[in-house]
Amino acid sequence: MAEEKKDEMVPVTAEYEVVDQVDDQAIIELMTGQTIQDYVYSFKQGGRTVEGLTLAGINEAANRRGGIQIEEIDYEEREHSWIATAKAVDTITGSSRYGAYEQLKMAGGRADPFAFTKAVHKAQRNAIKQLIPVPVIREVLNFYLNRKTGSGNATQQPQLQQGGGNIANAQKAAFAIANNLAGPLEGKGISKADLWDYIKRKYGVESRNDMTEMQWTQLSAELKAAETSPQLLDELYERIKQLTTAAQQSEVPAPEESANQETESSDGAPAENTQTQDSPF
């Protein structure tokens, strides 16, 4: 963490505290199914403005760049903390970088239930950031700073979306991770259709075309976290089951169920054909 601040040529302590607080909140929002709010940070320090990307912003910049993935992750439990290390690889250039983070188990005098998750996410953040080209970081940073302050103009935003390549990269990243998780989730009784139902309900969409680039980025981060350790996979499993149970209790038929029933009654085609067409995974 200290190395990142040194690279940005700003005092370590103040920025460390600001970024850590923002990223802690982003991780909690991610793990509890909330919408991530902050992709950038900006504050005054000694007469100058300090700006940078939060954990969520770094993940989005990596998705825009494409080709950056976590190859290894290790963690160690200590008496008062979790230590995680991650290796990020740029599949385009062949470069790799390591990131590490130590997260205290206590926060505000209480046991932090997200301590392990925070350690893993921040280690990945520290590794990934080193591989993102500076122009990509500046592009994402300027976009969200302008949007945050309401000073963005029409010429800036389309620059980030030209050719649809950015959202396509975000989709591909989510698809790849979802396919990697297919086996482990099926071992817990969660099919690809179940996962897609969870995603649709979480983001309030009916098809993958309804999802925004930001939502694909958030989904990638959530799935990547589950891919890194059995504990985070169990947490994803619990969220899927909870949302599925809540939907069943509401007694409102899921869109896939209605579509499957129509298919069976009209032409006798198996329900799984409809699921395959509806699910993007």
C-alpha atoms as a PDB file:
ATOM      1  CA  MET A   1       0.000   0.000   0.000  1.00  0.00           C
ATOM      2  CA  ALA A   2       2.839   2.393   0.938  1.00  0.00           C
ATOM      3  CA  GLU A   3       4.481   1.809  -2.444  1.00  0.00           C
ATOM      4  CA  GLU A   4       1.369   2.966  -4.293  1.00  0.00           C
ATOM      5  CA  LYS A   5       1.307   6.231  -2.363  1.00  0.00           C
ATOM      6  CA  LYS A   6       5.018   6.814  -2.974  1.00  0.00           C
ATOM      7  CA  ASP A   7       4.498   6.373  -6.700  1.00  0.00           C
ATOM      8  CA  GLU A   8       1.786   9.031  -6.668  1.00  0.00           C
ATOM      9  CA  MET A   9       4.153  11.474  -4.907  1.00  0.00           C
ATOM     10  CA  VAL A  10       1.780  12.397  -2.066  1.00  0.00           C
ATOM     11  CA  PRO A  11       2.024  11.998   1.716  1.00  0.00           C
ATOM     12  CA  VAL A  12       1.357   8.387   2.659  1.00  0.00           C
ATOM     13  CA  THR A  13      -0.615   8.609   5.899  1.00  0.00           C
ATOM     14  CA  ALA A  14      -3.519  10.866   4.909  1.00  0.00           C
ATOM     15  CA  GLU A  15      -4.134   9.243   1.546  1.00  0.00           C
ATOM     16  CA  TYR A  16      -3.752   5.756   2.969  1.00  0.00           C
ATOM     17  CA  GLU A  17      -6.480   6.446   5.508  1.00  0.00           C
ATOM     18  CA  VAL A  18      -8.868   7.962   2.954  1.00  0.00           C
ATOM     19  CA  VAL A  19      -8.395   5.194   0.381  1.00  0.00           C
ATOM     20  CA  ASP A  20      -8.615   2.471   3.012  1.00  0.00           C
ATOM     21  CA  GLN A  21     -11.921   3.796   4.342  1.00  0.00           C
ATOM     22  CA  VAL A  22     -13.425   4.149   0.863  1.00  0.00           C
ATOM     23  CA  ASP A  23     -12.257   0.682  -0.193  1.00  0.00           C
ATOM     24  CA  ASP A  24     -13.509  -0.895   3.035  1.00  0.00           C
ATOM     25  CA  GLN A  25     -16.952   0.524   2.290  1.00  0.00           C
ATOM     26  CA  ALA A  26     -16.798  -0.658  -1.333  1.00  0.00           C
ATOM     27  CA  ILE A  27     -15.938  -4.211  -0.247  1.00  0.00           C
ATOM     28  CA  ILE A  28     -18.820  -4.260   2.243  1.00  0.00           C
ATOM     29  CA  GLU A  29     -21.189  -2.938  -0.433  1.00  0.00           C
ATOM     30  CA  LEU A  30     -19.969  -5.617  -2.827  1.00  0.00           C
ATOM     31  CA  MET A  31     -20.333  -8.473  -0.348  1.00  0.00           C
ATOM     32  CA  THR A  32     -23.795  -7.354   0.810  1.00  0.00           C
ATOM     33  CA  GLY A  33     -25.207  -6.866  -2.680  1.00  0.00           C
ATOM     34  CA  GLN A  34     -25.301  -3.062  -2.594  1.00  0.00           C
ATOM     35  CA  THR A  35     -24.373  -0.716  -5.425  1.00  0.00           C
ATOM     36  CA  ILE A  36     -20.789   0.514  -5.232  1.00  0.00           C
ATOM     37  CA  GLN A  37     -20.772   4.299  -4.934  1.00  0.00           C
ATOM     38  CA  ASP A  38     -17.173   5.506  -5.194  1.00  0.00           C
ATOM     39  CA  TYR A  39     -14.801   4.774  -8.055  1.00  0.00           C
ATOM     40  CA  VAL A  40     -12.480   7.702  -7.338  1.00  0.00           C
ATOM     41  CA  TYR A  41     -11.283   9.702  -4.351  1.00  0.00           C
ATOM     42  CA  SER A  42     -10.380  13.394  -4.235  1.00  0.00           C
ATOM     43  CA  PHE A  43      -9.388  15.544  -1.277  1.00  0.00           C
ATOM     44  CA  LYS A  44      -7.225  18.532  -0.325  1.00  0.00           C
ATOM     45  CA  GLN A  45      -3.823  17.859   1.245  1.00  0.00           C
ATOM     46  CA  GLY A  46      -1.373  20.639   2.076  1.00  0.00           C
ATOM     47  CA  GLY A  47      -2.746  23.052  -0.498  1.00  0.00           C
ATOM     48  CA  ARG A  48      -2.943  20.502  -3.290  1.00  0.00           C
ATOM     49  CA  THR A  49      -5.628  18.155  -4.595  1.00  0.00           C
ATOM     50  CA  VAL A  50      -4.960  14.429  -4.225  1.00  0.00           C
ATOM     51  CA  GLU A  51      -6.881  12.213  -6.643  1.00  0.00           C
ATOM     52  CA  GLY A  52      -6.861   8.528  -7.490  1.00  0.00           C
ATOM     53  CA  LEU A  53      -8.864   5.374  -8.159  1.00  0.00           C
ATOM     54  CA  THR A  54     -10.506   3.357  -5.417  1.00  0.00           C
ATOM     55  CA  LEU A  55     -10.587  -0.434  -5.450  1.00  0.00           C
ATOM     56  CA  ALA A  56     -13.724  -0.341  -7.608  1.00  0.00           C
ATOM     57  CA  GLY A  57     -12.096   2.150  -9.977  1.00  0.00           C
ATOM     58  CA  ILE A  58      -8.980   0.007 -10.337  1.00  0.00           C
ATOM     59  CA  ASN A  59     -11.104  -3.047 -11.165  1.00  0.00           C
ATOM     60  CA  GLU A  60     -12.964  -1.087 -13.813  1.00  0.00           C
ATOM     61  CA  ALA A  61      -9.740   0.272 -15.310  1.00  0.00           C
ATOM     62  CA  ALA A  62      -8.403  -3.300 -15.484  1.00  0.00           C
ATOM     63  CA  ASN A  63     -11.554  -4.452 -17.273  1.00  0.00           C
ATOM     64  CA  ARG A  64     -11.299  -1.566 -19.743  1.00  0.00           C
ATOM     65  CA  ARG A  65      -7.680  -2.449 -20.464  1.00  0.00           C
ATOM     66  CA  GLY A  66      -8.451  -6.169 -20.710  1.00  0.00           C
ATOM     67  CA  GLY A  67      -6.013  -9.065 -20.372  1.00  0.00           C
ATOM     68  CA  ILE A  68      -5.253  -8.551 -16.665  1.00  0.00           C
ATOM     69  CA  GLN A  69      -6.118 -11.416 -14.356  1.00  0.00           C
ATOM     70  CA  ILE A  70      -5.273 -12.819 -10.943  1.00  0.00           C
ATOM     71  CA  GLU A  71      -3.238 -16.000 -11.305  1.00  0.00           C
ATOM     72  CA  GLU A  72      -2.354 -16.817  -7.698  1.00  0.00           C
ATOM     73  CA  ILE A  73      -3.570 -15.842  -4.270  1.00  0.00           C
ATOM     74  CA  ASP A  74      -2.326 -16.951  -0.865  1.00  0.00           C
ATOM     75  CA  TYR A  75      -3.355 -15.987   2.619  1.00  0.00           C
ATOM     76  CA  GLU A  76      -2.214 -16.528   6.171  1.00  0.00           C
ATOM     77  CA  GLU A  77      -4.191 -16.156   9.351  1.00  0.00           C
ATOM     78  CA  ARG A  78      -2.400 -14.569  12.292  1.00  0.00           C
ATOM     79  CA  GLU A  79      -3.609 -13.890  15.795  1.00  0.00           C
ATOM     80  CA  HIS A  80      -4.778 -10.357  15.101  1.00  0.00           C
ATOM     81  CA  SER A  81      -4.829 -10.117  11.321  1.00  0.00           C
ATOM     82  CA  TRP A  82      -5.127 -11.722   7.901  1.00  0.00           C
ATOM     83  CA  ILE A  83      -2.273 -11.403   5.390  1.00  0.00           C
ATOM     84  CA  ALA A  84      -3.044 -11.954   1.712  1.00  0.00           C
ATOM     85  CA  THR A  85      -0.742 -11.941  -1.322  1.00  0.00           C
ATOM     86  CA  ALA A  86      -1.844 -11.975  -4.947  1.00  0.00           C
ATOM     87  CA  LYS A  87      -0.105 -12.345  -8.299  1.00  0.00           C
ATOM     88  CA  ALA A  88      -1.601 -10.442 -11.231  1.00  0.00           C
ATOM     89  CA  VAL A  89      -0.648 -11.302 -14.803  1.00  0.00           C
ATOM     90  CA  ASP A  90      -0.966  -9.256 -17.981  1.00  0.00           C
ATOM     91  CA  THR A  91      -1.770 -11.902 -20.589  1.00  0.00           C
ATOM     92  CA  ILE A  92      -1.054  -9.417 -23.388  1.00  0.00           C
ATOM     93  CA  THR A  93       2.491  -8.440 -22.411  1.00  0.00           C
ATOM     94  CA  GLY A  94       3.386 -11.406 -20.210  1.00  0.00           C
ATOM     95  CA  SER A  95       4.270  -9.139 -17.291  1.00  0.00           C
ATOM     96  CA  SER A  96       3.303 -10.028 -13.728  1.00  0.00           C
ATOM     97  CA  ARG A  97       3.227  -8.197 -10.405  1.00  0.00           C
ATOM     98  CA  TYR A  98       2.655  -9.149  -6.787  1.00  0.00           C
ATOM     99  CA  GLY A  99       0.515  -7.324  -4.254  1.00  0.00           C
ATOM    100  CA  ALA A 100       0.097  -7.881  -0.525  1.00  0.00           C
ATOM    101  CA  TYR A 101      -2.040  -6.570   2.292  1.00  0.00           C
ATOM    102  CA  GLU A 102      -2.422  -7.147   6.029  1.00  0.00           C
ATOM    103  CA  GLN A 103      -5.919  -6.559   7.429  1.00  0.00           C
ATOM    104  CA  LEU A 104      -6.604  -6.327  11.146  1.00  0.00           C
ATOM    105  CA  LYS A 105      -9.352  -8.602  12.469  1.00  0.00           C
ATOM    106  CA  MET A 106     -10.713  -5.839  14.687  1.00  0.00           C
ATOM    107  CA  ALA A 107     -12.343  -2.606  13.498  1.00  0.00           C
ATOM    108  CA  GLY A 108     -13.632   0.036  15.870  1.00  0.00           C
ATOM    109  CA  GLY A 109     -13.105  -2.216  18.865  1.00  0.00           C
ATOM    110  CA  ARG A 110     -15.191  -5.025  17.331  1.00  0.00           C
ATOM    111  CA  ALA A 111     -14.462  -8.151  15.339  1.00  0.00           C
ATOM    112  CA  ASP A 112     -14.664  -7.331  11.631  1.00  0.00           C
ATOM    113  CA  PRO A 113     -16.623 -10.066   9.802  1.00  0.00           C
ATOM    114  CA  PHE A 114     -15.194  -8.846   6.485  1.00  0.00           C
ATOM    115  CA  ALA A 115     -11.534  -8.785   7.568  1.00  0.00           C
ATOM    116  CA  PHE A 116     -10.522 -11.805   5.460  1.00  0.00           C
ATOM    117  CA  THR A 117     -12.414 -10.538   2.417  1.00  0.00           C
ATOM    118  CA  LYS A 118     -10.835  -7.090   2.725  1.00  0.00           C
ATOM    119  CA  ALA A 119      -7.334  -8.579   2.880  1.00  0.00           C
ATOM    120  CA  VAL A 120      -7.918 -10.601  -0.295  1.00  0.00           C
ATOM    121  CA  HIS A 121      -9.483  -7.745  -2.271  1.00  0.00           C
ATOM    122  CA  LYS A 122      -6.810  -5.253  -1.285  1.00  0.00           C
ATOM    123  CA  ALA A 123      -3.983  -7.637  -2.139  1.00  0.00           C
ATOM    124  CA  GLN A 124      -5.533  -8.100  -5.580  1.00  0.00           C
ATOM    125  CA  ARG A 125      -5.948  -4.342  -5.917  1.00  0.00           C
ATOM    126  CA  ASN A 126      -2.295  -3.720  -5.111  1.00  0.00           C
ATOM    127  CA  ALA A 127      -1.166  -6.285  -7.686  1.00  0.00           C
ATOM    128  CA  ILE A 128      -3.559  -5.269 -10.480  1.00  0.00           C
ATOM    129  CA  LYS A 129      -2.878  -1.544 -10.216  1.00  0.00           C
ATOM    130  CA  GLN A 130       0.771  -2.039 -11.117  1.00  0.00           C
ATOM    131  CA  LEU A 131      -0.181  -3.521 -14.505  1.00  0.00           C
ATOM    132  CA  ILE A 132      -2.688  -0.890 -15.640  1.00  0.00           C
ATOM    133  CA  PRO A 133      -1.215   1.601 -18.135  1.00  0.00           C
ATOM    134  CA  VAL A 134      -1.210   5.190 -16.864  1.00  0.00           C
ATOM    135  CA  PRO A 135      -3.374   6.487 -19.774  1.00  0.00           C
ATOM    136  CA  VAL A 136      -6.125   4.001 -18.847  1.00  0.00           C
ATOM    137  CA  ILE A 137      -5.979   5.039 -15.186  1.00  0.00           C
ATOM    138  CA  ARG A 138      -6.195   8.715 -16.151  1.00  0.00           C
ATOM    139  CA  GLU A 139      -9.092   8.030 -18.534  1.00  0.00           C
ATOM    140  CA  VAL A 140     -11.179   6.285 -15.871  1.00  0.00           C
ATOM    141  CA  LEU A 141     -10.141   8.803 -13.213  1.00  0.00           C
ATOM    142  CA  ASN A 142     -11.140  11.821 -15.311  1.00  0.00           C
ATOM    143  CA  PHE A 143     -14.420  10.227 -16.346  1.00  0.00           C
ATOM    144  CA  TYR A 144     -15.587   9.564 -12.794  1.00  0.00           C
ATOM    145  CA  LEU A 145     -14.242  12.825 -11.375  1.00  0.00           C
ATOM    146  CA  ASN A 146     -16.172  14.754 -14.023  1.00  0.00           C
ATOM    147  CA  ARG A 147     -19.306  12.730 -13.398  1.00  0.00           C
ATOM    148  CA  LYS A 148     -18.932  13.077  -9.615  1.00  0.00           C
ATOM    149  CA  THR A 149     -18.637  16.869  -9.801  1.00  0.00           C
ATOM    150  CA  GLY A 150     -21.239  17.198 -12.535  1.00  0.00           C
ATOM    151  CA  SER A 151     -18.743  18.942 -14.820  1.00  0.00           C
ATOM    152  CA  GLY A 152     -18.530  16.217 -17.466  1.00  0.00           C
ATOM    153  CA  ASN A 153     -19.235  17.145 -21.082  1.00  0.00           C
ATOM    154  CA  ALA A 154     -20.558  15.277 -24.072  1.00  0.00           C
ATOM    155  CA  THR A 155     -17.126  14.846 -25.633  1.00  0.00           C
ATOM    156  CA  GLN A 156     -15.636  12.997 -22.671  1.00  0.00           C
ATOM    157  CA  GLN A 157     -18.116  10.225 -21.982  1.00  0.00           C
ATOM    158  CA  PRO A 158     -18.407   8.750 -25.494  1.00  0.00           C
ATOM    159  CA  GLN A 159     -14.601   8.473 -25.547  1.00  0.00           C
ATOM    160  CA  LEU A 160     -14.866   5.752 -22.935  1.00  0.00           C
ATOM    161  CA  GLN A 161     -17.500   3.817 -24.837  1.00  0.00           C
ATOM    162  CA  GLN A 162     -16.421   4.079 -28.460  1.00  0.00           C
ATOM    163  CA  GLY A 163     -16.974   0.898 -30.426  1.00  0.00           C
ATOM    164  CA  GLY A 164     -18.588  -0.834 -27.455  1.00  0.00           C
ATOM    165  CA  GLY A 165     -15.221  -2.400 -26.663  1.00  0.00           C
ATOM    166  CA  ASN A 166     -15.200  -1.487 -22.988  1.00  0.00           C
ATOM    167  CA  ILE A 167     -18.506  -3.097 -22.108  1.00  0.00           C
ATOM    168  CA  ALA A 168     -17.545  -6.088 -24.247  1.00  0.00           C
ATOM    169  CA  ASN A 169     -14.343  -6.512 -22.235  1.00  0.00           C
ATOM    170  CA  ALA A 170     -16.300  -6.246 -18.996  1.00  0.00           C
ATOM    171  CA  GLN A 171     -18.751  -8.901 -20.236  1.00  0.00           C
ATOM    172  CA  LYS A 172     -15.957 -11.235 -21.324  1.00  0.00           C
ATOM    173  CA  ALA A 173     -14.275 -10.925 -17.931  1.00  0.00           C
ATOM    174  CA  ALA A 174     -17.504 -11.815 -16.127  1.00  0.00           C
ATOM    175  CA  PHE A 175     -18.234 -14.731 -18.496  1.00  0.00           C
ATOM    176  CA  ALA A 176     -14.750 -16.180 -18.056  1.00  0.00           C
ATOM    177  CA  ILE A 177     -14.905 -16.074 -14.273  1.00  0.00           C
ATOM    178  CA  ALA A 178     -18.478 -17.427 -14.216  1.00  0.00           C
ATOM    179  CA  ASN A 179     -17.400 -20.394 -16.332  1.00  0.00           C
ATOM    180  CA  ASN A 180     -14.506 -21.051 -13.956  1.00  0.00           C
ATOM    181  CA  LEU A 181     -16.979 -21.075 -11.061  1.00  0.00           C
ATOM    182  CA  ALA A 182     -19.500 -23.348 -12.804  1.00  0.00           C
ATOM    183  CA  GLY A 183     -18.009 -26.570 -11.412  1.00  0.00           C
ATOM    184  CA  PRO A 184     -17.583 -25.408  -7.790  1.00  0.00           C
ATOM    185  CA  LEU A 185     -21.082 -23.893  -7.732  1.00  0.00           C
ATOM    186  CA  GLU A 186     -22.692 -26.977  -9.274  1.00  0.00           C
ATOM    187  CA  GLY A 187     -20.996 -28.971  -6.525  1.00  0.00           C
ATOM    188  CA  LYS A 188     -23.056 -26.910  -4.097  1.00  0.00           C
ATOM    189  CA  GLY A 189     -26.263 -27.376  -6.083  1.00  0.00           C
ATOM    190  CA  ILE A 190     -26.123 -24.032  -7.919  1.00  0.00           C
ATOM    191  CA  SER A 191     -26.558 -24.348 -11.688  1.00  0.00           C
ATOM    192  CA  LYS A 192     -25.650 -21.744 -14.311  1.00  0.00           C
ATOM    193  CA  ALA A 193     -29.354 -20.929 -14.572  1.00  0.00           C
ATOM    194  CA  ASP A 194     -29.486 -20.349 -10.798  1.00  0.00           C
ATOM    195  CA  LEU A 195     -26.500 -18.011 -11.007  1.00  0.00           C
ATOM    196  CA  TRP A 196     -28.099 -16.067 -13.853  1.00  0.00           C
ATOM    197  CA  ASP A 197     -31.365 -15.800 -11.873  1.00  0.00           C
ATOM    198  CA  TYR A 198     -29.367 -14.347  -8.993  1.00  0.00           C
ATOM    199  CA  ILE A 199     -27.675 -11.801 -11.281  1.00  0.00           C
ATOM    200  CA  LYS A 200     -30.963 -10.754 -12.877  1.00  0.00           C
ATOM    201  CA  ARG A 201     -32.645 -10.222  -9.527  1.00  0.00           C
ATOM    202  CA  LYS A 202     -29.651  -8.439  -8.011  1.00  0.00           C
ATOM    203  CA  TYR A 203     -29.329  -5.942 -10.855  1.00  0.00           C
ATOM    204  CA  GLY A 204     -33.002  -5.806 -11.854  1.00  0.00           C
ATOM    205  CA  VAL A 205     -32.468  -6.883 -15.477  1.00  0.00           C
ATOM    206  CA  GLU A 206     -34.013  -9.434 -17.820  1.00  0.00           C
ATOM    207  CA  SER A 207     -31.166  -9.962 -20.294  1.00  0.00           C
ATOM    208  CA  ARG A 208     -27.443  -9.343 -20.489  1.00  0.00           C
ATOM    209  CA  ASN A 209     -28.086  -6.459 -22.876  1.00  0.00           C
ATOM    210  CA  ASP A 210     -29.840  -4.630 -20.028  1.00  0.00           C
ATOM    211  CA  MET A 211     -26.692  -4.593 -17.882  1.00  0.00           C
ATOM    212  CA  THR A 212     -24.422  -1.570 -17.858  1.00  0.00           C
ATOM    213  CA  GLU A 213     -20.652  -1.643 -18.004  1.00  0.00           C
ATOM    214  CA  MET A 214     -20.520  -0.665 -14.340  1.00  0.00           C
ATOM    215  CA  GLN A 215     -22.728  -3.615 -13.420  1.00  0.00           C
ATOM    216  CA  TRP A 216     -20.548  -6.031 -15.393  1.00  0.00           C
ATOM    217  CA  THR A 217     -17.508  -4.646 -13.587  1.00  0.00           C
ATOM    218  CA  GLN A 218     -19.157  -5.101 -10.182  1.00  0.00           C
ATOM    219  CA  LEU A 219     -20.204  -8.628 -11.122  1.00  0.00           C
ATOM    220  CA  SER A 220     -16.659  -9.498 -12.211  1.00  0.00           C
ATOM    221  CA  ALA A 221     -15.302  -8.293  -8.881  1.00  0.00           C
ATOM    222  CA  GLU A 222     -17.865 -10.339  -6.950  1.00  0.00           C
ATOM    223  CA  LEU A 223     -17.219 -13.518  -8.937  1.00  0.00           C
ATOM    224  CA  LYS A 224     -13.443 -13.051  -8.868  1.00  0.00           C
ATOM    225  CA  ALA A 225     -13.607 -12.812  -5.074  1.00  0.00           C
ATOM    226  CA  ALA A 226     -15.499 -16.125  -4.933  1.00  0.00           C
ATOM    227  CA  GLU A 227     -12.910 -17.702  -7.221  1.00  0.00           C
ATOM    228  CA  THR A 228     -10.037 -16.818  -4.885  1.00  0.00           C
ATOM    229  CA  SER A 229     -10.958 -18.894  -1.824  1.00  0.00           C
ATOM    230  CA  PRO A 230     -13.451 -21.473  -0.518  1.00  0.00           C
ATOM    231  CA  GLN A 231     -14.644 -19.033   2.157  1.00  0.00           C
ATOM    232  CA  LEU A 232     -15.607 -16.363  -0.379  1.00  0.00           C
ATOM    233  CA  LEU A 233     -17.221 -19.023  -2.571  1.00  0.00           C
ATOM    234  CA  ASP A 234     -19.357 -20.076   0.412  1.00  0.00           C
ATOM    235  CA  GLU A 235     -20.386 -16.442   0.908  1.00  0.00           C
ATOM    236  CA  LEU A 236     -21.492 -16.191  -2.732  1.00  0.00           C
ATOM    237  CA  TYR A 237     -23.426 -19.448  -2.366  1.00  0.00           C
ATOM    238  CA  GLU A 238     -25.250 -18.064   0.678  1.00  0.00           C
ATOM    239  CA  ARG A 239     -26.172 -14.842  -1.144  1.00  0.00           C
ATOM    240  CA  ILE A 240     -27.560 -16.813  -4.096  1.00  0.00           C
ATOM    241  CA  LYS A 241     -29.610 -19.057  -1.792  1.00  0.00           C
ATOM    242  CA  GLN A 242     -30.909 -16.103   0.218  1.00  0.00           C
ATOM    243  CA  LEU A 243     -32.031 -14.201  -2.863  1.00  0.00           C
ATOM    244  CA  THR A 244     -33.589 -17.334  -4.361  1.00  0.00           C
ATOM    245  CA  THR A 245     -35.473 -18.069  -1.135  1.00  0.00           C
ATOM    246  CA  ALA A 246     -36.709 -14.477  -0.922  1.00  0.00           C
ATOM    247  CA  ALA A 247     -37.962 -14.644  -4.507  1.00  0.00           C
ATOM    248  CA  GLN A 248     -39.764 -17.923  -3.856  1.00  0.00           C
ATOM    249  CA  GLN A 249     -41.432 -16.530  -0.750  1.00  0.00           C
ATOM    250  CA  SER A 250     -42.706 -13.555  -2.709  1.00  0.00           C
ATOM    251  CA  GLU A 251     -44.792 -16.039  -4.761  1.00  0.00           C
ATOM    252  CA  VAL A 252     -44.046 -14.208  -7.987  1.00  0.00           C
ATOM    253  CA  PRO A 253     -42.993 -16.628 -10.777  1.00  0.00           C
ATOM    254  CA  ALA A 254     -39.516 -15.986 -12.103  1.00  0.00           C
ATOM    255  CA  PRO A 255     -39.367 -14.927 -15.797  1.00  0.00           C
ATOM    256  CA  GLU A 256     -37.474 -18.109 -16.720  1.00  0.00           C
ATOM    257  CA  GLU A 257     -40.099 -20.328 -15.093  1.00  0.00           C
ATOM    258  CA  SER A 258     -42.910 -18.680 -17.034  1.00  0.00           C
ATOM    259  CA  ALA A 259     -40.963 -18.928 -20.279  1.00  0.00           C
ATOM    260  CA  ASN A 260     -40.180 -22.591 -19.662  1.00  0.00           C
ATOM    261  CA  GLN A 261     -43.836 -23.401 -18.983  1.00  0.00           C
ATOM    262  CA  GLU A 262     -44.887 -21.691 -22.213  1.00  0.00           C
ATOM    263  CA  THR A 263     -42.264 -23.599 -24.161  1.00  0.00           C
ATOM    264  CA  GLU A 264     -43.316 -26.958 -22.757  1.00  0.00           C
ATOM    265  CA  SER A 265     -47.014 -26.362 -23.362  1.00  0.00           C
ATOM    266  CA  SER A 266     -46.583 -25.043 -26.898  1.00  0.00           C
ATOM    267  CA  ASP A 267     -44.017 -27.333 -28.505  1.00  0.00           C
ATOM    268  CA  GLY A 268     -42.922 -29.815 -25.852  1.00  0.00           C
ATOM    269  CA  ALA A 269     -39.285 -28.627 -25.953  1.00  0.00           C
ATOM    270  CA  PRO A 270     -37.302 -29.310 -22.792  1.00  0.00           C
ATOM    271  CA  ALA A 271     -37.148 -26.478 -20.290  1.00  0.00           C
ATOM    272  CA  GLU A 272     -33.343 -26.584 -20.289  1.00  0.00           C
ATOM    273  CA  ASN A 273     -33.278 -25.291 -23.869  1.00  0.00           C
ATOM    274  CA  THR A 274     -34.957 -22.094 -22.739  1.00  0.00           C
ATOM    275  CA  GLN A 275     -32.520 -21.736 -19.854  1.00  0.00           C
ATOM    276  CA  THR A 276     -29.553 -22.197 -22.137  1.00  0.00           C
ATOM    277  CA  GLN A 277     -30.800 -19.483 -24.480  1.00  0.00           C
ATOM    278  CA  ASP A 278     -31.606 -17.103 -21.593  1.00  0.00           C
ATOM    279  CA  SER A 279     -28.422 -17.552 -19.577  1.00  0.00           C
ATOM    280  CA  PRO A 280     -25.336 -15.860 -21.083  1.00  0.00           C
ATOM    281  CA  PHE A 281     -22.947 -18.299 -19.377  1.00  0.00           C
END
